[in-house]
PDB file of N, CA and C in Angstrom:
ATOM      1  N   UNK A   1      -7.785  -2.917 -14.895  1.00  0.00           N
ATOM      2  CA  UNK A   1      -6.550  -2.156 -14.849  1.00  0.00           C
ATOM      3  C   UNK A   1      -5.896  -2.139 -16.228  1.00  0.00           C
ATOM      4  N   UNK A   2      -5.369  -1.035 -16.647  1.00  0.00           N
ATOM      5  CA  UNK A   2      -4.733  -0.864 -17.896  1.00  0.00           C
ATOM      6  C   UNK A   2      -3.516  -1.781 -18.014  1.00  0.00           C
ATOM      7  N   UNK A   3      -3.189  -2.104 -19.262  1.00  0.00           N
ATOM      8  CA  UNK A   3      -2.001  -2.993 -19.476  1.00  0.00           C
ATOM      9  C   UNK A   3      -0.779  -2.122 -19.143  1.00  0.00           C
ATOM     10  N   UNK A   4       0.194  -2.862 -18.425  1.00  0.00           N
ATOM     11  CA  UNK A   4       1.326  -2.062 -18.038  1.00  0.00           C
ATOM     12  C   UNK A   4       2.301  -2.051 -19.247  1.00  0.00           C
ATOM     13  N   UNK A   5       3.073  -0.951 -19.252  1.00  0.00           N
ATOM     14  CA  UNK A   5       4.043  -0.719 -20.317  1.00  0.00           C
ATOM     15  C   UNK A   5       5.283  -1.697 -20.127  1.00  0.00           C
ATOM     16  N   UNK A   6       5.843  -2.009 -21.315  1.00  0.00           N
ATOM     17  CA  UNK A   6       7.061  -2.682 -21.328  1.00  0.00           C
ATOM     18  C   UNK A   6       8.184  -1.604 -21.249  1.00  0.00           C
ATOM     19  N   UNK A   7       8.924  -1.620 -20.196  1.00  0.00           N
ATOM     20  CA  UNK A   7       9.938  -0.567 -19.946  1.00  0.00           C
ATOM     21  C   UNK A   7      11.323  -1.004 -20.401  1.00  0.00           C
ATOM     22  N   UNK A   8      12.073  -0.063 -20.803  1.00  0.00           N
ATOM     23  CA  UNK A   8      13.457  -0.326 -21.177  1.00  0.00           C
ATOM     24  C   UNK A   8      14.314  -0.216 -19.925  1.00  0.00           C
ATOM     25  N   UNK A   9      13.882   0.633 -18.948  1.00  0.00           N
ATOM     26  CA  UNK A   9      14.738   0.863 -17.765  1.00  0.00           C
ATOM     27  C   UNK A   9      14.054   0.529 -16.474  1.00  0.00           C
ATOM     28  N   UNK A  10      14.775  -0.030 -15.549  1.00  0.00           N
ATOM     29  CA  UNK A  10      14.235  -0.399 -14.269  1.00  0.00           C
ATOM     30  C   UNK A  10      13.604   0.765 -13.533  1.00  0.00           C
ATOM     31  N   UNK A  11      14.257   1.953 -13.508  1.00  0.00           N
ATOM     32  CA  UNK A  11      13.651   3.044 -12.836  1.00  0.00           C
ATOM     33  C   UNK A  11      12.318   3.504 -13.370  1.00  0.00           C
ATOM     34  N   UNK A  12      12.121   3.394 -14.657  1.00  0.00           N
ATOM     35  CA  UNK A  12      10.831   3.647 -15.274  1.00  0.00           C
ATOM     36  C   UNK A  12       9.754   2.667 -14.802  1.00  0.00           C
ATOM     37  N   UNK A  13      10.071   1.398 -14.713  1.00  0.00           N
ATOM     38  CA  UNK A  13       9.144   0.423 -14.175  1.00  0.00           C
ATOM     39  C   UNK A  13       8.868   0.628 -12.666  1.00  0.00           C
ATOM     40  N   UNK A  14       9.955   1.105 -11.983  1.00  0.00           N
ATOM     41  CA  UNK A  14       9.780   1.447 -10.553  1.00  0.00           C
ATOM     42  C   UNK A  14       8.771   2.640 -10.364  1.00  0.00           C
ATOM     43  N   UNK A  15       8.988   3.589 -11.220  1.00  0.00           N
ATOM     44  CA  UNK A  15       8.106   4.790 -11.216  1.00  0.00           C
ATOM     45  C   UNK A  15       6.633   4.421 -11.520  1.00  0.00           C
ATOM     46  N   UNK A  16       6.438   3.518 -12.456  1.00  0.00           N
ATOM     47  CA  UNK A  16       5.093   3.104 -12.781  1.00  0.00           C
ATOM     48  C   UNK A  16       4.375   2.465 -11.563  1.00  0.00           C
ATOM     49  N   UNK A  17       5.116   1.612 -10.859  1.00  0.00           N
ATOM     50  CA  UNK A  17       4.551   0.983  -9.622  1.00  0.00           C
ATOM     51  C   UNK A  17       4.271   2.011  -8.638  1.00  0.00           C
ATOM     52  N   UNK A  18       5.182   3.003  -8.456  1.00  0.00           N
ATOM     53  CA  UNK A  18       4.916   4.123  -7.501  1.00  0.00           C
ATOM     54  C   UNK A  18       3.622   4.835  -7.868  1.00  0.00           C
ATOM     55  N   UNK A  19       3.338   5.009  -9.098  1.00  0.00           N
ATOM     56  CA  UNK A  19       2.099   5.699  -9.545  1.00  0.00           C
ATOM     57  C   UNK A  19       0.882   4.873  -9.049  1.00  0.00           C
ATOM     58  N   UNK A  20       1.033   3.503  -9.173  1.00  0.00           N
ATOM     59  CA  UNK A  20      -0.002   2.622  -8.751  1.00  0.00           C
ATOM     60  C   UNK A  20      -0.186   2.673  -7.228  1.00  0.00           C
ATOM     61  N   UNK A  21       0.888   2.712  -6.508  1.00  0.00           N
ATOM     62  CA  UNK A  21       0.830   2.907  -5.067  1.00  0.00           C
ATOM     63  C   UNK A  21       0.113   4.176  -4.658  1.00  0.00           C
ATOM     64  N   UNK A  22       0.430   5.269  -5.406  1.00  0.00           N
ATOM     65  CA  UNK A  22      -0.262   6.577  -5.088  1.00  0.00           C
ATOM     66  C   UNK A  22      -1.743   6.465  -5.369  1.00  0.00           C
ATOM     67  N   UNK A  23      -2.153   5.911  -6.475  1.00  0.00           N
ATOM     68  CA  UNK A  23      -3.551   5.704  -6.807  1.00  0.00           C
ATOM     69  C   UNK A  23      -4.321   4.859  -5.764  1.00  0.00           C
ATOM     70  N   UNK A  24      -3.686   3.791  -5.332  1.00  0.00           N
ATOM     71  CA  UNK A  24      -4.219   2.926  -4.340  1.00  0.00           C
ATOM     72  C   UNK A  24      -4.355   3.674  -3.082  1.00  0.00           C
ATOM     73  N   UNK A  25      -3.310   4.438  -2.590  1.00  0.00           N
ATOM     74  CA  UNK A  25      -3.336   5.229  -1.414  1.00  0.00           C
ATOM     75  C   UNK A  25      -4.509   6.225  -1.434  1.00  0.00           C
ATOM     76  N   UNK A  26      -4.549   6.979  -2.530  1.00  0.00           N
ATOM     77  CA  UNK A  26      -5.709   8.017  -2.662  1.00  0.00           C
ATOM     78  C   UNK A  26      -7.001   7.344  -2.489  1.00  0.00           C
ATOM     79  N   UNK A  27      -7.271   6.321  -3.179  1.00  0.00           N
ATOM     80  CA  UNK A  27      -8.551   5.661  -3.283  1.00  0.00           C
ATOM     81  C   UNK A  27      -8.855   5.118  -1.807  1.00  0.00           C
ATOM     82  N   UNK A  28      -7.930   4.452  -1.204  1.00  0.00           N
ATOM     83  CA  UNK A  28      -8.259   3.902   0.161  1.00  0.00           C
ATOM     84  C   UNK A  28      -8.372   4.980   1.195  1.00  0.00           C
ATOM     85  N   UNK A  29      -7.528   6.055   1.058  1.00  0.00           N
ATOM     86  CA  UNK A  29      -7.517   7.152   2.026  1.00  0.00           C
ATOM     87  C   UNK A  29      -8.852   7.847   1.987  1.00  0.00           C
ATOM     88  N   UNK A  30      -9.439   7.985   0.781  1.00  0.00           N
ATOM     89  CA  UNK A  30     -10.794   8.605   0.714  1.00  0.00           C
ATOM     90  C   UNK A  30     -11.867   7.748   1.380  1.00  0.00           C
ATOM     91  N   UNK A  31     -11.636   6.413   1.386  1.00  0.00           N
ATOM     92  CA  UNK A  31     -12.581   5.559   2.074  1.00  0.00           C
ATOM     93  C   UNK A  31     -12.336   5.516   3.647  1.00  0.00           C
ATOM     94  N   UNK A  32     -11.105   5.452   4.010  1.00  0.00           N
ATOM     95  CA  UNK A  32     -10.821   5.244   5.429  1.00  0.00           C
ATOM     96  C   UNK A  32     -10.536   6.459   6.258  1.00  0.00           C
ATOM     97  N   UNK A  33      -9.965   7.503   5.551  1.00  0.00           N
ATOM     98  CA  UNK A  33      -9.545   8.688   6.260  1.00  0.00           C
ATOM     99  C   UNK A  33      -8.303   8.437   7.032  1.00  0.00           C
ATOM    100  N   UNK A  34      -8.008   9.340   7.989  1.00  0.00           N
ATOM    101  CA  UNK A  34      -6.699   9.312   8.737  1.00  0.00           C
ATOM    102  C   UNK A  34      -6.909   8.541  10.084  1.00  0.00           C
ATOM    103  N   UNK A  35      -8.121   8.495  10.554  1.00  0.00           N
ATOM    104  CA  UNK A  35      -8.303   8.057  11.986  1.00  0.00           C
ATOM    105  C   UNK A  35      -7.788   6.679  12.278  1.00  0.00           C
ATOM    106  N   UNK A  36      -7.943   5.741  11.315  1.00  0.00           N
ATOM    107  CA  UNK A  36      -7.443   4.332  11.605  1.00  0.00           C
ATOM    108  C   UNK A  36      -5.988   4.338  11.796  1.00  0.00           C
ATOM    109  N   UNK A  37      -5.293   5.140  11.126  1.00  0.00           N
ATOM    110  CA  UNK A  37      -3.834   5.165  11.234  1.00  0.00           C
ATOM    111  C   UNK A  37      -3.426   5.992  12.499  1.00  0.00           C
ATOM    112  N   UNK A  38      -3.989   7.119  12.686  1.00  0.00           N
ATOM    113  CA  UNK A  38      -3.670   7.940  13.783  1.00  0.00           C
ATOM    114  C   UNK A  38      -4.031   7.315  15.146  1.00  0.00           C
ATOM    115  N   UNK A  39      -5.055   6.501  15.142  1.00  0.00           N
ATOM    116  CA  UNK A  39      -5.516   5.841  16.423  1.00  0.00           C
ATOM    117  C   UNK A  39      -4.436   4.874  16.891  1.00  0.00           C
ATOM    118  N   UNK A  40      -3.788   4.111  15.941  1.00  0.00           N
ATOM    119  CA  UNK A  40      -2.926   3.040  16.377  1.00  0.00           C
ATOM    120  C   UNK A  40      -1.417   3.349  16.096  1.00  0.00           C
ATOM    121  N   UNK A  41      -1.199   4.498  15.272  1.00  0.00           N
ATOM    122  CA  UNK A  41       0.212   4.858  14.979  1.00  0.00           C
ATOM    123  C   UNK A  41       1.014   3.812  14.232  1.00  0.00           C
ATOM    124  N   UNK A  42       2.265   3.977  14.429  1.00  0.00           N
ATOM    125  CA  UNK A  42       3.227   3.054  13.681  1.00  0.00           C
ATOM    126  C   UNK A  42       3.162   1.606  14.019  1.00  0.00           C
ATOM    127  N   UNK A  43       2.823   1.396  15.247  1.00  0.00           N
ATOM    128  CA  UNK A  43       2.539  -0.056  15.683  1.00  0.00           C
ATOM    129  C   UNK A  43       1.372  -0.660  14.930  1.00  0.00           C
ATOM    130  N   UNK A  44       0.328   0.112  14.671  1.00  0.00           N
ATOM    131  CA  UNK A  44      -0.772  -0.362  13.968  1.00  0.00           C
ATOM    132  C   UNK A  44      -0.355  -0.765  12.554  1.00  0.00           C
ATOM    133  N   UNK A  45       0.464   0.071  11.899  1.00  0.00           N
ATOM    134  CA  UNK A  45       0.926  -0.235  10.590  1.00  0.00           C
ATOM    135  C   UNK A  45       1.772  -1.470  10.616  1.00  0.00           C
ATOM    136  N   UNK A  46       2.618  -1.686  11.631  1.00  0.00           N
ATOM    137  CA  UNK A  46       3.379  -2.903  11.796  1.00  0.00           C
ATOM    138  C   UNK A  46       2.430  -4.126  11.744  1.00  0.00           C
ATOM    139  N   UNK A  47       1.390  -4.056  12.583  1.00  0.00           N
ATOM    140  CA  UNK A  47       0.450  -5.116  12.645  1.00  0.00           C
ATOM    141  C   UNK A  47      -0.251  -5.355  11.248  1.00  0.00           C
ATOM    142  N   UNK A  48      -0.637  -4.306  10.584  1.00  0.00           N
ATOM    143  CA  UNK A  48      -1.273  -4.420   9.313  1.00  0.00           C
ATOM    144  C   UNK A  48      -0.330  -5.110   8.298  1.00  0.00           C
ATOM    145  N   UNK A  49       0.885  -4.661   8.236  1.00  0.00           N
ATOM    146  CA  UNK A  49       1.900  -5.302   7.334  1.00  0.00           C
ATOM    147  C   UNK A  49       2.185  -6.711   7.719  1.00  0.00           C
ATOM    148  N   UNK A  50       2.197  -6.969   9.010  1.00  0.00           N
ATOM    149  CA  UNK A  50       2.356  -8.377   9.488  1.00  0.00           C
ATOM    150  C   UNK A  50       1.229  -9.249   9.018  1.00  0.00           C
ATOM    151  N   UNK A  51       0.021  -8.760   9.061  1.00  0.00           N
ATOM    152  CA  UNK A  51      -1.132  -9.560   8.603  1.00  0.00           C
ATOM    153  C   UNK A  51      -1.005  -9.826   7.070  1.00  0.00           C
ATOM    154  N   UNK A  52      -0.523  -8.854   6.298  1.00  0.00           N
ATOM    155  CA  UNK A  52      -0.347  -9.040   4.882  1.00  0.00           C
ATOM    156  C   UNK A  52       0.774 -10.083   4.633  1.00  0.00           C
ATOM    157  N   UNK A  53       1.886 -10.005   5.445  1.00  0.00           N
ATOM    158  CA  UNK A  53       3.022 -10.926   5.247  1.00  0.00           C
ATOM    159  C   UNK A  53       2.631 -12.376   5.636  1.00  0.00           C
ATOM    160  N   UNK A  54       1.796 -12.496   6.668  1.00  0.00           N
ATOM    161  CA  UNK A  54       1.343 -13.798   7.126  1.00  0.00           C
ATOM    162  C   UNK A  54       0.461 -14.423   6.017  1.00  0.00           C
ATOM    163  N   UNK A  55      -0.381 -13.619   5.417  1.00  0.00           N
ATOM    164  CA  UNK A  55      -1.245 -14.042   4.314  1.00  0.00           C
ATOM    165  C   UNK A  55      -0.308 -14.603   3.187  1.00  0.00           C
ATOM    166  N   UNK A  56       0.672 -13.853   2.784  1.00  0.00           N
ATOM    167  CA  UNK A  56       1.583 -14.233   1.772  1.00  0.00           C
ATOM    168  C   UNK A  56       2.264 -15.538   2.152  1.00  0.00           C
ATOM    169  N   UNK A  57       2.703 -15.653   3.344  1.00  0.00           N
ATOM    170  CA  UNK A  57       3.351 -16.832   3.828  1.00  0.00           C
ATOM    171  C   UNK A  57       2.473 -18.053   3.789  1.00  0.00           C
ATOM    172  N   UNK A  58       1.259 -17.887   4.202  1.00  0.00           N
ATOM    173  CA  UNK A  58       0.311 -18.928   4.183  1.00  0.00           C
ATOM    174  C   UNK A  58       0.006 -19.403   2.701  1.00  0.00           C
ATOM    175  N   UNK A  59      -0.205 -18.484   1.824  1.00  0.00           N
ATOM    176  CA  UNK A  59      -0.391 -18.788   0.429  1.00  0.00           C
ATOM    177  C   UNK A  59       0.818 -19.570  -0.194  1.00  0.00           C
ATOM    178  N   UNK A  60       2.089 -19.033   0.123  1.00  0.00           N
ATOM    179  CA  UNK A  60       3.214 -19.682  -0.372  1.00  0.00           C
ATOM    180  C   UNK A  60       3.385 -21.160   0.167  1.00  0.00           C
ATOM    181  N   UNK A  61       3.127 -21.255   1.458  1.00  0.00           N
ATOM    182  CA  UNK A  61       3.301 -22.624   2.091  1.00  0.00           C
ATOM    183  C   UNK A  61       2.225 -23.572   1.592  1.00  0.00           C
ATOM    184  N   UNK A  62       1.030 -23.128   1.407  1.00  0.00           N
ATOM    185  CA  UNK A  62      -0.057 -23.952   0.982  1.00  0.00           C
ATOM    186  C   UNK A  62      -0.073 -24.196  -0.528  1.00  0.00           C
ATOM    187  N   UNK A  63       0.552 -23.329  -1.309  1.00  0.00           N
ATOM    188  CA  UNK A  63       0.570 -23.422  -2.791  1.00  0.00           C
ATOM    189  C   UNK A  63      -0.810 -23.108  -3.347  1.00  0.00           C
ATOM    190  N   UNK A  64      -1.697 -22.602  -2.565  1.00  0.00           N
ATOM    191  CA  UNK A  64      -3.015 -22.158  -3.070  1.00  0.00           C
ATOM    192  C   UNK A  64      -3.051 -20.782  -3.700  1.00  0.00           C
ATOM    193  N   UNK A  65      -3.944 -20.616  -4.642  1.00  0.00           N
ATOM    194  CA  UNK A  65      -4.195 -19.324  -5.210  1.00  0.00           C
ATOM    195  C   UNK A  65      -5.234 -18.627  -4.280  1.00  0.00           C
ATOM    196  N   UNK A  66      -5.110 -17.317  -4.086  1.00  0.00           N
ATOM    197  CA  UNK A  66      -6.033 -16.656  -3.243  1.00  0.00           C
ATOM    198  C   UNK A  66      -7.530 -16.626  -3.752  1.00  0.00           C
ATOM    199  N   UNK A  67      -8.451 -16.734  -2.965  1.00  0.00           N
ATOM    200  CA  UNK A  67      -9.919 -16.615  -3.362  1.00  0.00           C
ATOM    201  C   UNK A  67     -10.277 -15.216  -3.509  1.00  0.00           C
ATOM    202  N   UNK A  68      -9.652 -14.262  -2.860  1.00  0.00           N
ATOM    203  CA  UNK A  68     -10.126 -12.897  -2.790  1.00  0.00           C
ATOM    204  C   UNK A  68      -8.993 -11.976  -3.391  1.00  0.00           C
ATOM    205  N   UNK A  69      -8.382 -11.146  -2.625  1.00  0.00           N
ATOM    206  CA  UNK A  69      -7.457 -10.224  -3.131  1.00  0.00           C
ATOM    207  C   UNK A  69      -6.217 -10.868  -3.690  1.00  0.00           C
ATOM    208  N   UNK A  70      -5.681 -10.469  -4.820  1.00  0.00           N
ATOM    209  CA  UNK A  70      -4.522 -11.085  -5.457  1.00  0.00           C
ATOM    210  C   UNK A  70      -3.288 -10.879  -4.665  1.00  0.00           C
ATOM    211  N   UNK A  71      -2.314 -11.722  -4.972  1.00  0.00           N
ATOM    212  CA  UNK A  71      -0.977 -11.582  -4.311  1.00  0.00           C
ATOM    213  C   UNK A  71      -0.313 -10.243  -4.714  1.00  0.00           C
ATOM    214  N   UNK A  72      -0.515  -9.818  -5.892  1.00  0.00           N
ATOM    215  CA  UNK A  72      -0.052  -8.543  -6.324  1.00  0.00           C
ATOM    216  C   UNK A  72      -0.674  -7.393  -5.537  1.00  0.00           C
ATOM    217  N   UNK A  73      -1.989  -7.431  -5.268  1.00  0.00           N
ATOM    218  CA  UNK A  73      -2.714  -6.425  -4.441  1.00  0.00           C
ATOM    219  C   UNK A  73      -2.186  -6.400  -3.008  1.00  0.00           C
ATOM    220  N   UNK A  74      -1.793  -7.564  -2.564  1.00  0.00           N
ATOM    221  CA  UNK A  74      -1.236  -7.683  -1.154  1.00  0.00           C
ATOM    222  C   UNK A  74       0.104  -6.929  -1.107  1.00  0.00           C
ATOM    223  N   UNK A  75       0.959  -7.158  -2.114  1.00  0.00           N
ATOM    224  CA  UNK A  75       2.264  -6.430  -2.194  1.00  0.00           C
ATOM    225  C   UNK A  75       2.019  -4.935  -2.307  1.00  0.00           C
ATOM    226  N   UNK A  76       1.032  -4.559  -3.163  1.00  0.00           N
ATOM    227  CA  UNK A  76       0.707  -3.089  -3.285  1.00  0.00           C
ATOM    228  C   UNK A  76       0.409  -2.519  -1.897  1.00  0.00           C
ATOM    229  N   UNK A  77      -0.482  -3.269  -1.132  1.00  0.00           N
ATOM    230  CA  UNK A  77      -0.890  -2.769   0.154  1.00  0.00           C
ATOM    231  C   UNK A  77       0.257  -2.617   1.161  1.00  0.00           C
ATOM    232  N   UNK A  78       1.154  -3.622   1.017  1.00  0.00           N
ATOM    233  CA  UNK A  78       2.414  -3.443   1.898  1.00  0.00           C
ATOM    234  C   UNK A  78       3.208  -2.303   1.489  1.00  0.00           C
ATOM    235  N   UNK A  79       3.378  -1.996   0.237  1.00  0.00           N
ATOM    236  CA  UNK A  79       4.054  -0.828  -0.220  1.00  0.00           C
ATOM    237  C   UNK A  79       3.476   0.458   0.272  1.00  0.00           C
ATOM    238  N   UNK A  80       2.071   0.565   0.137  1.00  0.00           N
ATOM    239  CA  UNK A  80       1.358   1.696   0.608  1.00  0.00           C
ATOM    240  C   UNK A  80       1.578   1.924   2.135  1.00  0.00           C
ATOM    241  N   UNK A  81       1.400   0.819   2.899  1.00  0.00           N
ATOM    242  CA  UNK A  81       1.628   1.017   4.331  1.00  0.00           C
ATOM    243  C   UNK A  81       3.100   1.449   4.637  1.00  0.00           C
ATOM    244  N   UNK A  82       4.068   0.966   3.852  1.00  0.00           N
ATOM    245  CA  UNK A  82       5.394   1.484   4.139  1.00  0.00           C
ATOM    246  C   UNK A  82       5.576   2.878   3.948  1.00  0.00           C
ATOM    247  N   UNK A  83       4.995   3.448   2.868  1.00  0.00           N
ATOM    248  CA  UNK A  83       4.988   4.918   2.686  1.00  0.00           C
ATOM    249  C   UNK A  83       4.232   5.633   3.767  1.00  0.00           C
ATOM    250  N   UNK A  84       2.998   5.232   4.153  1.00  0.00           N
ATOM    251  CA  UNK A  84       2.287   5.805   5.183  1.00  0.00           C
ATOM    252  C   UNK A  84       3.174   5.853   6.460  1.00  0.00           C
ATOM    253  N   UNK A  85       3.849   4.863   6.753  1.00  0.00           N
ATOM    254  CA  UNK A  85       4.705   4.730   8.004  1.00  0.00           C
ATOM    255  C   UNK A  85       5.758   5.846   7.896  1.00  0.00           C
ATOM    256  N   UNK A  86       6.408   6.069   6.758  1.00  0.00           N
ATOM    257  CA  UNK A  86       7.378   7.090   6.610  1.00  0.00           C
ATOM    258  C   UNK A  86       6.753   8.499   6.711  1.00  0.00           C
ATOM    259  N   UNK A  87       5.529   8.640   6.211  1.00  0.00           N
ATOM    260  CA  UNK A  87       4.844   9.891   6.363  1.00  0.00           C
ATOM    261  C   UNK A  87       4.458  10.178   7.768  1.00  0.00           C
ATOM    262  N   UNK A  88       4.058   9.115   8.459  1.00  0.00           N
ATOM    263  CA  UNK A  88       3.647   9.241   9.837  1.00  0.00           C
ATOM    264  C   UNK A  88       4.836   9.593  10.708  1.00  0.00           C
ATOM    265  N   UNK A  89       6.056   8.985  10.502  1.00  0.00           N
ATOM    266  CA  UNK A  89       7.239   9.279  11.233  1.00  0.00           C
ATOM    267  C   UNK A  89       7.645  10.770  11.083  1.00  0.00           C
ATOM    268  N   UNK A  90       7.450  11.288   9.835  1.00  0.00           N
ATOM    269  CA  UNK A  90       7.821  12.601   9.601  1.00  0.00           C
ATOM    270  C   UNK A  90       6.859  13.697  10.012  1.00  0.00           C
ATOM    271  N   UNK A  91       5.705  13.269  10.501  1.00  0.00           N
ATOM    272  CA  UNK A  91       4.614  14.155  10.878  1.00  0.00           C
ATOM    273  C   UNK A  91       3.755  14.601   9.809  1.00  0.00           C
ATOM    274  N   UNK A  92       4.117  14.345   8.597  1.00  0.00           N
ATOM    275  CA  UNK A  92       3.380  14.835   7.414  1.00  0.00           C
ATOM    276  C   UNK A  92       1.977  14.095   7.221  1.00  0.00           C
ATOM    277  N   UNK A  93       1.812  12.859   7.731  1.00  0.00           N
ATOM    278  CA  UNK A  93       0.623  12.171   7.582  1.00  0.00           C
ATOM    279  C   UNK A  93      -0.473  12.816   8.498  1.00  0.00           C
ATOM    280  N   UNK A  94      -0.087  13.282   9.665  1.00  0.00           N
ATOM    281  CA  UNK A  94      -1.009  13.876  10.530  1.00  0.00           C
ATOM    282  C   UNK A  94      -1.251  15.354  10.064  1.00  0.00           C
ATOM    283  N   UNK A  95      -0.288  16.063   9.614  1.00  0.00           N
ATOM    284  CA  UNK A  95      -0.380  17.483   9.305  1.00  0.00           C
ATOM    285  C   UNK A  95      -0.942  17.828   7.985  1.00  0.00           C
ATOM    286  N   UNK A  96      -0.864  16.949   7.000  1.00  0.00           N
ATOM    287  CA  UNK A  96      -1.235  17.309   5.718  1.00  0.00           C
ATOM    288  C   UNK A  96      -2.591  16.567   5.312  1.00  0.00           C
ATOM    289  N   UNK A  97      -3.275  17.109   4.315  1.00  0.00           N
ATOM    290  CA  UNK A  97      -4.502  16.492   3.774  1.00  0.00           C
ATOM    291  C   UNK A  97      -4.264  16.242   2.310  1.00  0.00           C
ATOM    292  N   UNK A  98      -5.166  15.419   1.787  1.00  0.00           N
ATOM    293  CA  UNK A  98      -5.164  15.132   0.346  1.00  0.00           C
ATOM    294  C   UNK A  98      -5.461  16.381  -0.403  1.00  0.00           C
ATOM    295  N   UNK A  99      -4.830  16.546  -1.570  1.00  0.00           N
ATOM    296  CA  UNK A  99      -5.182  17.586  -2.582  1.00  0.00           C
ATOM    297  C   UNK A  99      -6.670  17.379  -2.917  1.00  0.00           C
ATOM    298  N   UNK A 100      -7.522  18.361  -2.828  1.00  0.00           N
ATOM    299  CA  UNK A 100      -8.922  18.220  -3.126  1.00  0.00           C
ATOM    300  C   UNK A 100      -9.143  17.751  -4.563  1.00  0.00           C
ATOM    301  N   UNK A 101      -8.155  17.978  -5.437  1.00  0.00           N
ATOM    302  CA  UNK A 101      -8.335  17.532  -6.815  1.00  0.00           C
ATOM    303  C   UNK A 101      -7.834  16.031  -6.997  1.00  0.00           C
ATOM    304  N   UNK A 102      -7.390  15.436  -5.951  1.00  0.00           N
ATOM    305  CA  UNK A 102      -6.927  14.059  -6.082  1.00  0.00           C
ATOM    306  C   UNK A 102      -8.055  13.085  -6.251  1.00  0.00           C
TER     307      UNK A 102
END
C-alpha cells in the first residue's frame, strides 16, 4: 500500500480513508458479489460486524498481535460493512451495480 499523506486538515485525512474504504469495497464486491449480503440482509451485516468487533476485543484483551489480517484491515472492513448497511437500507445496494470501469 502506498504511503499515506501527512494531512493538514482532519477532513482531508477522513476523505483519504473513505477512498480506501471504496477501493476495499470494490475489490471485495468483485469477489463476493451481492448475494451474500442480499441473502442475510441487515442482520447478516450485524453479525459480520460483530465478528470483527469480537476479534478486536480478543486481540485487545490478550495483548497479542494478529497472525493474519491486521487490526487496521479489521477496522476498514467494519467501515465498509457500515456503508453497505446504509446502502442496503436505502435500497441502493440491491438496485444498483458497480460501474463497469471500477
